[in-house]
Amino acid sequence: LYAGDRAFQELYFSGLGDQSVTLAMLGRHILRVHLFDAAGQRLDEAWLSVVRQGKPALERQAETVWDTEFSGGPNDPRWFEFEDLWSGDYSVTATALVDGAAQSVSGGVTLGGDGTEADLTLTLAPTVTLRGTVLDGAADAGGRPVTGAEITLRDALGLPAGTAVTSVEMATQGQFALPAVRTGRYTLEAQDFATGQRGALSVDLDAAAGDPAPVALALEELGS
């Protein structure tokens, strides 16, 4: 479970004798994001959002490192740098103006170990927004929307390309949106930690066709 920027685990003690628990501190990491346009030119102005397990970790208007400074000297590669990120799966979304039009791109990265540095390269391209609803059973069987389910979109290599949490609002219960997803084939995963139910769905996205129709992802009991 996460509380702010700290992680902890809920434990249950039955009271039958002594029990031992091993706790591991989360490492803190540096993430460097390299952003390019479709022509391969490095970009130095963009809006970047860094999200862990569907919850915003960092979000800001950036011109390079943090707000306004390039990293390194004038002839060195330049990037957007984010410090003090805790271990976990992250999705990064960048939006920038290219020839007066807004373009977006998103990608995923897993930060693990202790005090590592990671690089993520993103290239702007036409994207779509994937929307859907998570249900506790098939829609035609009367499945009900599941709130608070964690959504992970994985690319063909199994890397996270986006994360979200289904809505708890009355008007949009169980719904989610994953913006700035590039063309390609993905696996959409959902898990409801309250019940232990999980579900997965293959999706094939084509930016030329525009945003796809909302999908319905049904959860199943483990082992079913």
C-alpha atoms as a PDB file:
ATOM      1  CA  LEU A   1       0.000   0.000   0.000  1.00  0.00           C
ATOM      2  CA  TYR A   2       1.111   3.579  -0.638  1.00  0.00           C
ATOM      3  CA  ALA A   3       0.661   6.540   1.680  1.00  0.00           C
ATOM      4  CA  GLY A   4       1.912   9.702   0.061  1.00  0.00           C
ATOM      5  CA  ASP A   5       5.441   8.945  -1.085  1.00  0.00           C
ATOM      6  CA  ARG A   6       6.003   6.115   1.378  1.00  0.00           C
ATOM      7  CA  ALA A   7       5.252   2.426   0.988  1.00  0.00           C
ATOM      8  CA  PHE A   8       4.171   0.008   3.664  1.00  0.00           C
ATOM      9  CA  GLN A   9       2.553  -3.403   3.908  1.00  0.00           C
ATOM     10  CA  GLU A  10      -0.601  -4.278   5.814  1.00  0.00           C
ATOM     11  CA  LEU A  11       0.032  -7.229   8.121  1.00  0.00           C
ATOM     12  CA  TYR A  12      -2.327  -9.456  10.085  1.00  0.00           C
ATOM     13  CA  PHE A  13      -1.207 -11.200  13.249  1.00  0.00           C
ATOM     14  CA  SER A  14      -3.288 -14.087  14.515  1.00  0.00           C
ATOM     15  CA  GLY A  15      -1.886 -13.825  18.035  1.00  0.00           C
ATOM     16  CA  LEU A  16      -0.637 -17.420  17.999  1.00  0.00           C
ATOM     17  CA  GLY A  17       2.984 -17.158  19.107  1.00  0.00           C
ATOM     18  CA  ASP A  18       5.803 -14.907  17.979  1.00  0.00           C
ATOM     19  CA  GLN A  19       6.044 -13.874  14.351  1.00  0.00           C
ATOM     20  CA  SER A  20       8.862 -12.235  12.440  1.00  0.00           C
ATOM     21  CA  VAL A  21       8.547  -9.662   9.683  1.00  0.00           C
ATOM     22  CA  THR A  22      11.171  -8.497   7.200  1.00  0.00           C
ATOM     23  CA  LEU A  23      10.775  -4.960   5.859  1.00  0.00           C
ATOM     24  CA  ALA A  24      12.736  -3.590   2.900  1.00  0.00           C
ATOM     25  CA  MET A  25      13.206   0.121   2.359  1.00  0.00           C
ATOM     26  CA  LEU A  26      12.296   1.432  -1.074  1.00  0.00           C
ATOM     27  CA  GLY A  27      15.184   2.779  -3.117  1.00  0.00           C
ATOM     28  CA  ARG A  28      15.160   6.361  -4.377  1.00  0.00           C
ATOM     29  CA  HIS A  29      16.028   6.862  -8.023  1.00  0.00           C
ATOM     30  CA  ILE A  30      16.799   9.380 -10.739  1.00  0.00           C
ATOM     31  CA  LEU A  31      14.860   9.228 -14.012  1.00  0.00           C
ATOM     32  CA  ARG A  32      16.141  10.984 -17.138  1.00  0.00           C
ATOM     33  CA  VAL A  33      13.610  11.480 -19.943  1.00  0.00           C
ATOM     34  CA  HIS A  34      14.925  12.110 -23.460  1.00  0.00           C
ATOM     35  CA  LEU A  35      12.249  13.613 -25.715  1.00  0.00           C
ATOM     36  CA  PHE A  36      12.401  13.768 -29.526  1.00  0.00           C
ATOM     37  CA  ASP A  37      10.042  14.759 -32.333  1.00  0.00           C
ATOM     38  CA  ALA A  38       9.238  12.449 -35.244  1.00  0.00           C
ATOM     39  CA  ALA A  39      12.203  13.862 -37.208  1.00  0.00           C
ATOM     40  CA  GLY A  40      14.622  12.902 -34.444  1.00  0.00           C
ATOM     41  CA  GLN A  41      15.206  16.413 -33.100  1.00  0.00           C
ATOM     42  CA  ARG A  42      15.631  16.646 -29.334  1.00  0.00           C
ATOM     43  CA  LEU A  43      12.956  18.776 -27.647  1.00  0.00           C
ATOM     44  CA  ASP A  44      13.586  21.028 -24.673  1.00  0.00           C
ATOM     45  CA  GLU A  45      10.091  22.321 -23.904  1.00  0.00           C
ATOM     46  CA  ALA A  46       7.218  20.075 -22.887  1.00  0.00           C
ATOM     47  CA  TRP A  47       4.698  19.260 -20.200  1.00  0.00           C
ATOM     48  CA  LEU A  48       5.721  16.050 -18.436  1.00  0.00           C
ATOM     49  CA  SER A  49       3.651  13.953 -16.071  1.00  0.00           C
ATOM     50  CA  VAL A  50       5.145  11.088 -14.033  1.00  0.00           C
ATOM     51  CA  VAL A  51       2.623   8.650 -12.549  1.00  0.00           C
ATOM     52  CA  ARG A  52       3.117   5.647 -10.268  1.00  0.00           C
ATOM     53  CA  GLN A  53       0.335   3.042 -10.081  1.00  0.00           C
ATOM     54  CA  GLY A  54      -2.197   5.515 -11.389  1.00  0.00           C
ATOM     55  CA  LYS A  55      -1.310   8.185  -8.832  1.00  0.00           C
ATOM     56  CA  PRO A  56       0.567  11.349  -9.872  1.00  0.00           C
ATOM     57  CA  ALA A  57       4.133  11.406  -8.592  1.00  0.00           C
ATOM     58  CA  LEU A  58       5.438  14.466 -10.426  1.00  0.00           C
ATOM     59  CA  GLU A  59       3.762  16.810 -12.883  1.00  0.00           C
ATOM     60  CA  ARG A  60       5.066  20.112 -14.160  1.00  0.00           C
ATOM     61  CA  GLN A  61       5.656  22.393 -17.085  1.00  0.00           C
ATOM     62  CA  ALA A  62       9.296  21.765 -17.866  1.00  0.00           C
ATOM     63  CA  GLU A  63      11.886  23.204 -20.162  1.00  0.00           C
ATOM     64  CA  THR A  64      14.649  20.777 -19.195  1.00  0.00           C
ATOM     65  CA  VAL A  65      15.968  19.609 -15.849  1.00  0.00           C
ATOM     66  CA  TRP A  66      13.130  20.334 -13.418  1.00  0.00           C
ATOM     67  CA  ASP A  67      11.992  23.709 -14.798  1.00  0.00           C
ATOM     68  CA  THR A  68      14.431  25.731 -16.849  1.00  0.00           C
ATOM     69  CA  GLU A  69      17.977  24.353 -16.911  1.00  0.00           C
ATOM     70  CA  PHE A  70      19.533  21.931 -19.352  1.00  0.00           C
ATOM     71  CA  SER A  71      21.484  19.036 -17.911  1.00  0.00           C
ATOM     72  CA  GLY A  72      25.172  19.047 -18.770  1.00  0.00           C
ATOM     73  CA  GLY A  73      27.146  21.489 -20.871  1.00  0.00           C
ATOM     74  CA  PRO A  74      26.219  23.072 -24.220  1.00  0.00           C
ATOM     75  CA  ASN A  75      27.555  20.109 -26.217  1.00  0.00           C
ATOM     76  CA  ASP A  76      26.252  17.357 -23.953  1.00  0.00           C
ATOM     77  CA  PRO A  77      23.027  15.422 -24.460  1.00  0.00           C
ATOM     78  CA  ARG A  78      20.172  17.156 -22.713  1.00  0.00           C
ATOM     79  CA  TRP A  79      17.189  15.668 -20.930  1.00  0.00           C
ATOM     80  CA  PHE A  80      14.411  16.180 -18.407  1.00  0.00           C
ATOM     81  CA  GLU A  81      15.492  14.867 -15.014  1.00  0.00           C
ATOM     82  CA  PHE A  82      13.334  13.760 -12.084  1.00  0.00           C
ATOM     83  CA  GLU A  83      14.929  12.938  -8.754  1.00  0.00           C
ATOM     84  CA  ASP A  84      13.871  11.110  -5.586  1.00  0.00           C
ATOM     85  CA  LEU A  85      11.468   8.675  -7.244  1.00  0.00           C
ATOM     86  CA  TRP A  86      10.648   5.615  -5.152  1.00  0.00           C
ATOM     87  CA  SER A  87      10.916   2.073  -6.525  1.00  0.00           C
ATOM     88  CA  GLY A  88       7.958   0.965  -8.642  1.00  0.00           C
ATOM     89  CA  ASP A  89       6.340   0.998 -12.068  1.00  0.00           C
ATOM     90  CA  TYR A  90       5.947   4.448 -13.614  1.00  0.00           C
ATOM     91  CA  SER A  91       4.303   5.840 -16.715  1.00  0.00           C
ATOM     92  CA  VAL A  92       5.557   9.107 -18.198  1.00  0.00           C
ATOM     93  CA  THR A  93       3.489  11.297 -20.512  1.00  0.00           C
ATOM     94  CA  ALA A  94       4.979  14.205 -22.460  1.00  0.00           C
ATOM     95  CA  THR A  95       3.044  16.777 -24.467  1.00  0.00           C
ATOM     96  CA  ALA A  96       4.713  19.386 -26.657  1.00  0.00           C
ATOM     97  CA  LEU A  97       3.884  21.799 -29.455  1.00  0.00           C
ATOM     98  CA  VAL A  98       5.275  20.711 -32.814  1.00  0.00           C
ATOM     99  CA  ASP A  99       4.659  23.108 -35.704  1.00  0.00           C
ATOM    100  CA  GLY A 100       1.884  24.707 -33.663  1.00  0.00           C
ATOM    101  CA  ALA A 101       0.046  21.437 -32.978  1.00  0.00           C
ATOM    102  CA  ALA A 102       0.058  19.542 -29.706  1.00  0.00           C
ATOM    103  CA  GLN A 103       1.523  16.049 -29.822  1.00  0.00           C
ATOM    104  CA  SER A 104       1.821  13.572 -26.985  1.00  0.00           C
ATOM    105  CA  VAL A 105       3.667  10.411 -26.157  1.00  0.00           C
ATOM    106  CA  SER A 106       3.726   8.088 -23.173  1.00  0.00           C
ATOM    107  CA  GLY A 107       6.015   5.324 -22.038  1.00  0.00           C
ATOM    108  CA  GLY A 108       6.714   3.162 -19.044  1.00  0.00           C
ATOM    109  CA  VAL A 109       9.703   2.372 -16.889  1.00  0.00           C
ATOM    110  CA  THR A 110      10.315   0.171 -13.857  1.00  0.00           C
ATOM    111  CA  LEU A 111      12.604   1.562 -11.162  1.00  0.00           C
ATOM    112  CA  GLY A 112      14.134  -1.011  -8.836  1.00  0.00           C
ATOM    113  CA  GLY A 113      17.137  -1.612  -6.656  1.00  0.00           C
ATOM    114  CA  ASP A 114      18.710   1.045  -4.494  1.00  0.00           C
ATOM    115  CA  GLY A 115      19.699   4.457  -5.786  1.00  0.00           C
ATOM    116  CA  THR A 116      19.720   3.661  -9.503  1.00  0.00           C
ATOM    117  CA  GLU A 117      19.625   5.996 -12.486  1.00  0.00           C
ATOM    118  CA  ALA A 118      17.359   5.188 -15.432  1.00  0.00           C
ATOM    119  CA  ASP A 119      16.862   6.629 -18.914  1.00  0.00           C
ATOM    120  CA  LEU A 120      13.603   6.722 -20.870  1.00  0.00           C
ATOM    121  CA  THR A 121      13.513   7.835 -24.510  1.00  0.00           C
ATOM    122  CA  LEU A 122      10.205   9.103 -25.916  1.00  0.00           C
ATOM    123  CA  THR A 123       9.446  10.091 -29.511  1.00  0.00           C
ATOM    124  CA  LEU A 124       6.366  12.150 -30.287  1.00  0.00           C
ATOM    125  CA  ALA A 125       3.927  10.538 -32.680  1.00  0.00           C
ATOM    126  CA  PRO A 126       0.172  10.466 -33.318  1.00  0.00           C
ATOM    127  CA  THR A 127      -1.552   8.952 -30.308  1.00  0.00           C
ATOM    128  CA  VAL A 128      -4.977   7.921 -29.066  1.00  0.00           C
ATOM    129  CA  THR A 129      -6.789   7.894 -25.733  1.00  0.00           C
ATOM    130  CA  LEU A 130      -7.896   4.450 -24.552  1.00  0.00           C
ATOM    131  CA  ARG A 131     -11.012   4.526 -22.387  1.00  0.00           C
ATOM    132  CA  GLY A 132     -12.974   1.766 -20.782  1.00  0.00           C
ATOM    133  CA  THR A 133     -14.792   0.317 -17.791  1.00  0.00           C
ATOM    134  CA  VAL A 134     -13.751  -2.447 -15.416  1.00  0.00           C
ATOM    135  CA  LEU A 135     -16.552  -4.830 -14.417  1.00  0.00           C
ATOM    136  CA  ASP A 136     -16.783  -7.571 -11.778  1.00  0.00           C
ATOM    137  CA  GLY A 137     -18.139  -9.935 -14.435  1.00  0.00           C
ATOM    138  CA  ALA A 138     -19.104 -10.014 -18.101  1.00  0.00           C
ATOM    139  CA  ALA A 139     -21.269  -7.076 -19.180  1.00  0.00           C
ATOM    140  CA  ASP A 140     -23.929  -9.366 -20.653  1.00  0.00           C
ATOM    141  CA  ALA A 141     -24.062 -11.204 -17.320  1.00  0.00           C
ATOM    142  CA  GLY A 142     -24.827  -8.077 -15.336  1.00  0.00           C
ATOM    143  CA  GLY A 143     -21.291  -7.205 -14.307  1.00  0.00           C
ATOM    144  CA  ARG A 144     -21.045  -4.146 -12.077  1.00  0.00           C
ATOM    145  CA  PRO A 145     -18.434  -1.371 -12.346  1.00  0.00           C
ATOM    146  CA  VAL A 146     -15.381  -1.837 -10.117  1.00  0.00           C
ATOM    147  CA  THR A 147     -14.032   1.297  -8.443  1.00  0.00           C
ATOM    148  CA  GLY A 148     -10.422   1.711  -7.378  1.00  0.00           C
ATOM    149  CA  ALA A 149      -9.087  -1.054  -9.627  1.00  0.00           C
ATOM    150  CA  GLU A 150      -5.507  -0.585 -10.797  1.00  0.00           C
ATOM    151  CA  ILE A 151      -5.022  -0.483 -14.578  1.00  0.00           C
ATOM    152  CA  THR A 152      -1.745  -1.262 -16.357  1.00  0.00           C
ATOM    153  CA  LEU A 153      -1.244  -1.093 -20.111  1.00  0.00           C
ATOM    154  CA  ARG A 154       1.712  -3.204 -21.268  1.00  0.00           C
ATOM    155  CA  ASP A 155       3.423  -3.143 -24.634  1.00  0.00           C
ATOM    156  CA  ALA A 156       4.552  -6.155 -26.677  1.00  0.00           C
ATOM    157  CA  LEU A 157       7.671  -6.467 -24.485  1.00  0.00           C
ATOM    158  CA  GLY A 158       5.611  -6.490 -21.306  1.00  0.00           C
ATOM    159  CA  LEU A 159       6.769  -3.041 -20.233  1.00  0.00           C
ATOM    160  CA  PRO A 160       4.222  -0.666 -18.659  1.00  0.00           C
ATOM    161  CA  ALA A 161       3.029   1.922 -21.186  1.00  0.00           C
ATOM    162  CA  GLY A 162       0.414   3.547 -18.958  1.00  0.00           C
ATOM    163  CA  THR A 163      -1.286   3.210 -15.596  1.00  0.00           C
ATOM    164  CA  ALA A 164      -4.569   4.424 -14.123  1.00  0.00           C
ATOM    165  CA  VAL A 165      -7.085   3.761 -11.350  1.00  0.00           C
ATOM    166  CA  THR A 166     -10.786   3.321 -12.088  1.00  0.00           C
ATOM    167  CA  SER A 167     -13.038   6.154 -10.999  1.00  0.00           C
ATOM    168  CA  VAL A 168     -14.943   6.172  -7.713  1.00  0.00           C
ATOM    169  CA  GLU A 169     -17.213   9.042  -8.784  1.00  0.00           C
ATOM    170  CA  MET A 170     -20.894   8.135  -9.016  1.00  0.00           C
ATOM    171  CA  ALA A 171     -21.306   9.305 -12.628  1.00  0.00           C
ATOM    172  CA  THR A 172     -18.169   7.525 -13.878  1.00  0.00           C
ATOM    173  CA  GLN A 173     -17.836   4.517 -11.574  1.00  0.00           C
ATOM    174  CA  GLY A 174     -15.358   1.938 -12.810  1.00  0.00           C
ATOM    175  CA  GLN A 175     -14.219   4.017 -15.764  1.00  0.00           C
ATOM    176  CA  PHE A 176     -10.635   4.869 -16.711  1.00  0.00           C
ATOM    177  CA  ALA A 177      -8.746   6.776 -19.391  1.00  0.00           C
ATOM    178  CA  LEU A 178      -5.210   6.266 -20.677  1.00  0.00           C
ATOM    179  CA  PRO A 179      -4.147   9.287 -22.753  1.00  0.00           C
ATOM    180  CA  ALA A 180      -1.352   9.600 -25.308  1.00  0.00           C
ATOM    181  CA  VAL A 181      -1.060   5.920 -26.223  1.00  0.00           C
ATOM    182  CA  ARG A 182       0.866   5.202 -29.410  1.00  0.00           C
ATOM    183  CA  THR A 183      -0.178   2.874 -32.212  1.00  0.00           C
ATOM    184  CA  GLY A 184       0.448  -0.792 -31.503  1.00  0.00           C
ATOM    185  CA  ARG A 185      -0.729  -3.961 -29.813  1.00  0.00           C
ATOM    186  CA  TYR A 186      -1.040  -3.923 -26.037  1.00  0.00           C
ATOM    187  CA  THR A 187      -2.269  -5.992 -23.136  1.00  0.00           C
ATOM    188  CA  LEU A 188      -4.648  -4.174 -20.802  1.00  0.00           C
ATOM    189  CA  GLU A 189      -4.505  -5.516 -17.245  1.00  0.00           C
ATOM    190  CA  ALA A 190      -6.723  -4.731 -14.267  1.00  0.00           C
ATOM    191  CA  GLN A 191      -6.592  -5.832 -10.646  1.00  0.00           C
ATOM    192  CA  ASP A 192      -8.964  -5.198  -7.768  1.00  0.00           C
ATOM    193  CA  PHE A 193      -6.930  -5.565  -4.590  1.00  0.00           C
ATOM    194  CA  ALA A 194     -10.087  -5.459  -2.473  1.00  0.00           C
ATOM    195  CA  THR A 195     -11.320  -8.784  -3.903  1.00  0.00           C
ATOM    196  CA  GLY A 196      -8.209 -10.261  -5.502  1.00  0.00           C
ATOM    197  CA  GLN A 197      -9.922 -10.366  -8.910  1.00  0.00           C
ATOM    198  CA  ARG A 198      -7.879  -9.811 -12.051  1.00  0.00           C
ATOM    199  CA  GLY A 199      -8.497  -9.457 -15.757  1.00  0.00           C
ATOM    200  CA  ALA A 200      -6.631  -8.904 -19.001  1.00  0.00           C
ATOM    201  CA  LEU A 201      -7.565  -7.895 -22.534  1.00  0.00           C
ATOM    202  CA  SER A 202      -5.607  -7.552 -25.791  1.00  0.00           C
ATOM    203  CA  VAL A 203      -6.095  -4.258 -27.608  1.00  0.00           C
ATOM    204  CA  ASP A 204      -4.840  -3.182 -31.037  1.00  0.00           C
ATOM    205  CA  LEU A 205      -4.635   0.595 -31.423  1.00  0.00           C
ATOM    206  CA  ASP A 206      -4.447   2.486 -34.720  1.00  0.00           C
ATOM    207  CA  ALA A 207      -3.902   6.221 -34.398  1.00  0.00           C
ATOM    208  CA  ALA A 208      -5.055   6.758 -37.988  1.00  0.00           C
ATOM    209  CA  ALA A 209      -8.523   5.546 -36.993  1.00  0.00           C
ATOM    210  CA  GLY A 210      -8.803   7.988 -34.089  1.00  0.00           C
ATOM    211  CA  ASP A 211      -9.676   7.136 -30.508  1.00  0.00           C
ATOM    212  CA  PRO A 212     -11.016   3.572 -30.206  1.00  0.00           C
ATOM    213  CA  ALA A 213     -14.426   2.754 -28.794  1.00  0.00           C
ATOM    214  CA  PRO A 214     -14.422   2.293 -25.001  1.00  0.00           C
ATOM    215  CA  VAL A 215     -13.571  -1.245 -23.912  1.00  0.00           C
ATOM    216  CA  ALA A 216     -15.107  -3.374 -21.158  1.00  0.00           C
ATOM    217  CA  LEU A 217     -12.706  -5.440 -19.072  1.00  0.00           C
ATOM    218  CA  ALA A 218     -14.250  -8.160 -16.920  1.00  0.00           C
ATOM    219  CA  LEU A 219     -12.457  -9.350 -13.789  1.00  0.00           C
ATOM    220  CA  GLU A 220     -12.288 -12.993 -12.765  1.00  0.00           C
ATOM    221  CA  GLU A 221     -11.507 -14.836  -9.565  1.00  0.00           C
ATOM    222  CA  LEU A 222      -7.952 -16.138  -9.318  1.00  0.00           C
ATOM    223  CA  GLY A 223      -7.747 -19.689 -10.641  1.00  0.00           C
ATOM    224  CA  SER A 224     -10.989 -19.427 -12.628  1.00  0.00           C
END
